[in-house]
Amino acid sequence: MTAPCNLIFRVDEASDLPIWVQLRNRVAHLIKTGKMVGGEQLPSVRSLAADAKINYNTVAKAYRDLELSGLIVSVRGRGMFVRTDAAASEGETDSVDALLEDCIRQYREKGLTYREIAEHIARMVDAMEQQARECRKNQGGLL
């Protein structure tokens, strides 16, 4: 098993999500995208709480939820570790969802609200759908 990873977590003050959910989502994202691998040790509850300047109980709650989700495992006296089969148990859509979460996070960092992001994504989907219709129409005319 490896030494604790250097997990960087920043609270999104503009988010309506509780801090423990933000932390849980961040760690789950890192696991699902392979940035944290099976057997990798997570920082202790105390050290992560101190580094992120959040309450100890907040980190403990996020870790408990991740453990219940099957993404991490507690080893008595040693700490919390990413399950070796955690990333492999995720489905195809989960990895795509993780990419979308990363894109949304980047939009948030640029200052967009969740509503603005949703509207932007909806416009992109509409444009792609329109392009697909035009492509099918053009292919139909050629045959």
C-alpha atoms as a PDB file:
ATOM      1  CA  MET A   1       0.000   0.000   0.000  1.00  0.00           C
ATOM      2  CA  THR A   2       1.221   3.475  -0.815  1.00  0.00           C
ATOM      3  CA  ALA A   3       1.752   6.595   1.267  1.00  0.00           C
ATOM      4  CA  PRO A   4      -1.171   9.030   1.537  1.00  0.00           C
ATOM      5  CA  CYS A   5      -1.826  10.942  -1.661  1.00  0.00           C
ATOM      6  CA  ASN A   6      -1.643  14.703  -1.824  1.00  0.00           C
ATOM      7  CA  LEU A   7      -5.383  15.358  -2.172  1.00  0.00           C
ATOM      8  CA  ILE A   8      -6.109  18.999  -2.898  1.00  0.00           C
ATOM      9  CA  PHE A   9      -9.656  20.060  -2.065  1.00  0.00           C
ATOM     10  CA  ARG A  10     -11.127  23.538  -2.258  1.00  0.00           C
ATOM     11  CA  VAL A  11     -14.618  24.361  -1.012  1.00  0.00           C
ATOM     12  CA  ASP A  12     -16.859  25.875  -3.691  1.00  0.00           C
ATOM     13  CA  GLU A  13     -18.492  28.653  -1.677  1.00  0.00           C
ATOM     14  CA  ALA A  14     -20.958  29.351  -4.509  1.00  0.00           C
ATOM     15  CA  SER A  15     -22.220  25.763  -4.531  1.00  0.00           C
ATOM     16  CA  ASP A  16     -25.490  24.828  -2.918  1.00  0.00           C
ATOM     17  CA  LEU A  17     -24.024  21.392  -2.115  1.00  0.00           C
ATOM     18  CA  PRO A  18     -22.909  20.694   1.459  1.00  0.00           C
ATOM     19  CA  ILE A  19     -19.134  20.607   1.891  1.00  0.00           C
ATOM     20  CA  TRP A  20     -19.098  16.871   2.667  1.00  0.00           C
ATOM     21  CA  VAL A  21     -20.911  16.184  -0.635  1.00  0.00           C
ATOM     22  CA  GLN A  22     -18.427  18.382  -2.527  1.00  0.00           C
ATOM     23  CA  LEU A  23     -15.544  16.425  -0.977  1.00  0.00           C
ATOM     24  CA  ARG A  24     -17.191  13.063  -1.660  1.00  0.00           C
ATOM     25  CA  ASN A  25     -17.843  14.042  -5.286  1.00  0.00           C
ATOM     26  CA  ARG A  26     -14.250  15.209  -5.739  1.00  0.00           C
ATOM     27  CA  VAL A  27     -12.723  11.997  -4.390  1.00  0.00           C
ATOM     28  CA  ALA A  28     -15.206   9.848  -6.358  1.00  0.00           C
ATOM     29  CA  HIS A  29     -14.297  11.785  -9.514  1.00  0.00           C
ATOM     30  CA  LEU A  30     -10.573  11.231  -8.932  1.00  0.00           C
ATOM     31  CA  ILE A  31     -11.160   7.499  -8.469  1.00  0.00           C
ATOM     32  CA  LYS A  32     -13.510   7.124 -11.441  1.00  0.00           C
ATOM     33  CA  THR A  33     -11.118   8.921 -13.768  1.00  0.00           C
ATOM     34  CA  GLY A  34      -8.122   6.895 -12.593  1.00  0.00           C
ATOM     35  CA  LYS A  35      -6.310   9.842 -11.009  1.00  0.00           C
ATOM     36  CA  MET A  36      -6.464   7.887  -7.737  1.00  0.00           C
ATOM     37  CA  VAL A  37      -5.720   4.190  -8.155  1.00  0.00           C
ATOM     38  CA  GLY A  38      -6.521   1.043  -6.222  1.00  0.00           C
ATOM     39  CA  GLY A  39      -4.419   0.666  -3.092  1.00  0.00           C
ATOM     40  CA  GLU A  40      -3.644   4.379  -2.903  1.00  0.00           C
ATOM     41  CA  GLN A  41      -3.968   5.755   0.616  1.00  0.00           C
ATOM     42  CA  LEU A  42      -6.167   8.771   1.252  1.00  0.00           C
ATOM     43  CA  PRO A  43      -5.025  11.500   3.635  1.00  0.00           C
ATOM     44  CA  SER A  44      -6.094  10.979   7.234  1.00  0.00           C
ATOM     45  CA  VAL A  45      -9.322  12.647   8.286  1.00  0.00           C
ATOM     46  CA  ARG A  46      -7.406  15.032  10.535  1.00  0.00           C
ATOM     47  CA  SER A  47      -4.782  16.041   7.970  1.00  0.00           C
ATOM     48  CA  LEU A  48      -7.316  16.612   5.177  1.00  0.00           C
ATOM     49  CA  ALA A  49      -9.538  18.624   7.517  1.00  0.00           C
ATOM     50  CA  ALA A  50      -6.567  20.777   8.519  1.00  0.00           C
ATOM     51  CA  ASP A  51      -5.297  21.226   4.940  1.00  0.00           C
ATOM     52  CA  ALA A  52      -8.732  22.099   3.535  1.00  0.00           C
ATOM     53  CA  LYS A  53      -9.670  24.158   6.606  1.00  0.00           C
ATOM     54  CA  ILE A  54     -12.880  22.207   7.111  1.00  0.00           C
ATOM     55  CA  ASN A  55     -14.359  20.376  10.079  1.00  0.00           C
ATOM     56  CA  TYR A  56     -13.048  16.926  10.994  1.00  0.00           C
ATOM     57  CA  ASN A  57     -16.616  15.526  11.031  1.00  0.00           C
ATOM     58  CA  THR A  58     -17.195  16.810   7.484  1.00  0.00           C
ATOM     59  CA  VAL A  59     -14.272  14.764   6.160  1.00  0.00           C
ATOM     60  CA  ALA A  60     -15.319  11.739   8.226  1.00  0.00           C
ATOM     61  CA  LYS A  61     -18.850  11.906   6.779  1.00  0.00           C
ATOM     62  CA  ALA A  62     -17.544  12.110   3.195  1.00  0.00           C
ATOM     63  CA  TYR A  63     -15.187   9.171   3.795  1.00  0.00           C
ATOM     64  CA  ARG A  64     -18.022   7.111   5.353  1.00  0.00           C
ATOM     65  CA  ASP A  65     -20.202   7.726   2.305  1.00  0.00           C
ATOM     66  CA  LEU A  66     -17.367   6.795  -0.073  1.00  0.00           C
ATOM     67  CA  GLU A  67     -16.831   3.597   1.902  1.00  0.00           C
ATOM     68  CA  LEU A  68     -20.543   2.741   1.736  1.00  0.00           C
ATOM     69  CA  SER A  69     -20.390   3.397  -2.020  1.00  0.00           C
ATOM     70  CA  GLY A  70     -17.632   0.812  -2.332  1.00  0.00           C
ATOM     71  CA  LEU A  71     -15.001   3.237  -3.603  1.00  0.00           C
ATOM     72  CA  ILE A  72     -12.728   3.221  -0.557  1.00  0.00           C
ATOM     73  CA  VAL A  73     -12.014   0.810   2.272  1.00  0.00           C
ATOM     74  CA  SER A  74     -10.906   1.387   5.849  1.00  0.00           C
ATOM     75  CA  VAL A  75      -7.964  -0.653   7.100  1.00  0.00           C
ATOM     76  CA  ARG A  76      -7.961  -0.651  10.890  1.00  0.00           C
ATOM     77  CA  GLY A  77      -4.969   1.201  12.277  1.00  0.00           C
ATOM     78  CA  ARG A  78      -3.660   2.135   8.809  1.00  0.00           C
ATOM     79  CA  GLY A  79      -6.206   4.487   7.248  1.00  0.00           C
ATOM     80  CA  MET A  80      -8.451   4.757   4.215  1.00  0.00           C
ATOM     81  CA  PHE A  81      -7.484   3.297   0.839  1.00  0.00           C
ATOM     82  CA  VAL A  82      -8.946   3.301  -2.661  1.00  0.00           C
ATOM     83  CA  ARG A  83     -10.436  -0.133  -3.306  1.00  0.00           C
ATOM     84  CA  THR A  84      -8.416  -2.060  -5.862  1.00  0.00           C
ATOM     85  CA  ASP A  85     -11.570  -2.872  -7.826  1.00  0.00           C
ATOM     86  CA  ALA A  86     -13.221   0.561  -7.431  1.00  0.00           C
ATOM     87  CA  ALA A  87     -12.547   1.952 -10.909  1.00  0.00           C
ATOM     88  CA  ALA A  88     -13.140  -1.396 -12.607  1.00  0.00           C
ATOM     89  CA  SER A  89     -16.614  -1.674 -11.074  1.00  0.00           C
ATOM     90  CA  GLU A  90     -17.729   1.586 -12.640  1.00  0.00           C
ATOM     91  CA  GLY A  91     -19.730   1.385 -15.862  1.00  0.00           C
ATOM     92  CA  GLU A  92     -19.057   3.053 -19.195  1.00  0.00           C
ATOM     93  CA  THR A  93     -21.433   5.934 -18.482  1.00  0.00           C
ATOM     94  CA  ASP A  94     -19.767   6.600 -15.130  1.00  0.00           C
ATOM     95  CA  SER A  95     -16.478   7.479 -16.827  1.00  0.00           C
ATOM     96  CA  VAL A  96     -18.297   9.778 -19.249  1.00  0.00           C
ATOM     97  CA  ASP A  97     -20.214  11.306 -16.333  1.00  0.00           C
ATOM     98  CA  ALA A  98     -16.879  11.956 -14.627  1.00  0.00           C
ATOM     99  CA  LEU A  99     -15.688  13.816 -17.739  1.00  0.00           C
ATOM    100  CA  LEU A 100     -18.888  15.876 -17.776  1.00  0.00           C
ATOM    101  CA  GLU A 101     -18.454  16.676 -14.079  1.00  0.00           C
ATOM    102  CA  ASP A 102     -14.933  17.876 -14.850  1.00  0.00           C
ATOM    103  CA  CYS A 103     -16.256  20.118 -17.656  1.00  0.00           C
ATOM    104  CA  ILE A 104     -18.932  21.542 -15.368  1.00  0.00           C
ATOM    105  CA  ARG A 105     -16.308  22.193 -12.692  1.00  0.00           C
ATOM    106  CA  GLN A 106     -14.206  24.089 -15.277  1.00  0.00           C
ATOM    107  CA  TYR A 107     -17.215  26.205 -16.292  1.00  0.00           C
ATOM    108  CA  ARG A 108     -17.812  26.976 -12.591  1.00  0.00           C
ATOM    109  CA  GLU A 109     -14.185  28.078 -12.224  1.00  0.00           C
ATOM    110  CA  LYS A 110     -14.786  30.503 -15.109  1.00  0.00           C
ATOM    111  CA  GLY A 111     -17.664  32.013 -13.121  1.00  0.00           C
ATOM    112  CA  LEU A 112     -20.710  30.488 -14.814  1.00  0.00           C
ATOM    113  CA  THR A 113     -23.717  29.553 -12.681  1.00  0.00           C
ATOM    114  CA  TYR A 114     -25.173  26.058 -12.811  1.00  0.00           C
ATOM    115  CA  ARG A 115     -28.177  27.410 -14.727  1.00  0.00           C
ATOM    116  CA  GLU A 116     -25.908  29.092 -17.307  1.00  0.00           C
ATOM    117  CA  ILE A 117     -23.949  25.865 -17.703  1.00  0.00           C
ATOM    118  CA  ALA A 118     -27.145  23.843 -18.197  1.00  0.00           C
ATOM    119  CA  GLU A 119     -28.400  26.320 -20.811  1.00  0.00           C
ATOM    120  CA  HIS A 120     -25.035  26.241 -22.614  1.00  0.00           C
ATOM    121  CA  ILE A 121     -24.996  22.442 -22.679  1.00  0.00           C
ATOM    122  CA  ALA A 122     -28.618  22.360 -23.894  1.00  0.00           C
ATOM    123  CA  ARG A 123     -27.704  24.714 -26.764  1.00  0.00           C
ATOM    124  CA  MET A 124     -24.770  22.478 -27.692  1.00  0.00           C
ATOM    125  CA  VAL A 125     -26.969  19.366 -27.672  1.00  0.00           C
ATOM    126  CA  ASP A 126     -29.590  21.143 -29.813  1.00  0.00           C
ATOM    127  CA  ALA A 127     -26.917  22.209 -32.327  1.00  0.00           C
ATOM    128  CA  MET A 128     -25.503  18.673 -32.513  1.00  0.00           C
ATOM    129  CA  GLU A 129     -28.983  17.240 -32.979  1.00  0.00           C
ATOM    130  CA  GLN A 130     -29.662  19.726 -35.794  1.00  0.00           C
ATOM    131  CA  GLN A 131     -26.369  18.805 -37.490  1.00  0.00           C
ATOM    132  CA  ALA A 132     -27.239  15.107 -37.259  1.00  0.00           C
ATOM    133  CA  ARG A 133     -30.676  15.737 -38.831  1.00  0.00           C
ATOM    134  CA  GLU A 134     -29.110  17.716 -41.681  1.00  0.00           C
ATOM    135  CA  CYS A 135     -26.506  15.008 -42.228  1.00  0.00           C
ATOM    136  CA  ARG A 136     -29.185  12.286 -42.391  1.00  0.00           C
ATOM    137  CA  LYS A 137     -31.252  14.444 -44.759  1.00  0.00           C
ATOM    138  CA  ASN A 138     -28.245  15.012 -47.054  1.00  0.00           C
ATOM    139  CA  GLN A 139     -27.341  11.325 -47.042  1.00  0.00           C
ATOM    140  CA  GLY A 140     -30.924  10.440 -47.878  1.00  0.00           C
ATOM    141  CA  GLY A 141     -30.858  12.777 -50.863  1.00  0.00           C
ATOM    142  CA  LEU A 142     -27.687  11.170 -52.238  1.00  0.00           C
ATOM    143  CA  LEU A 143     -28.964   7.598 -52.178  1.00  0.00           C
END
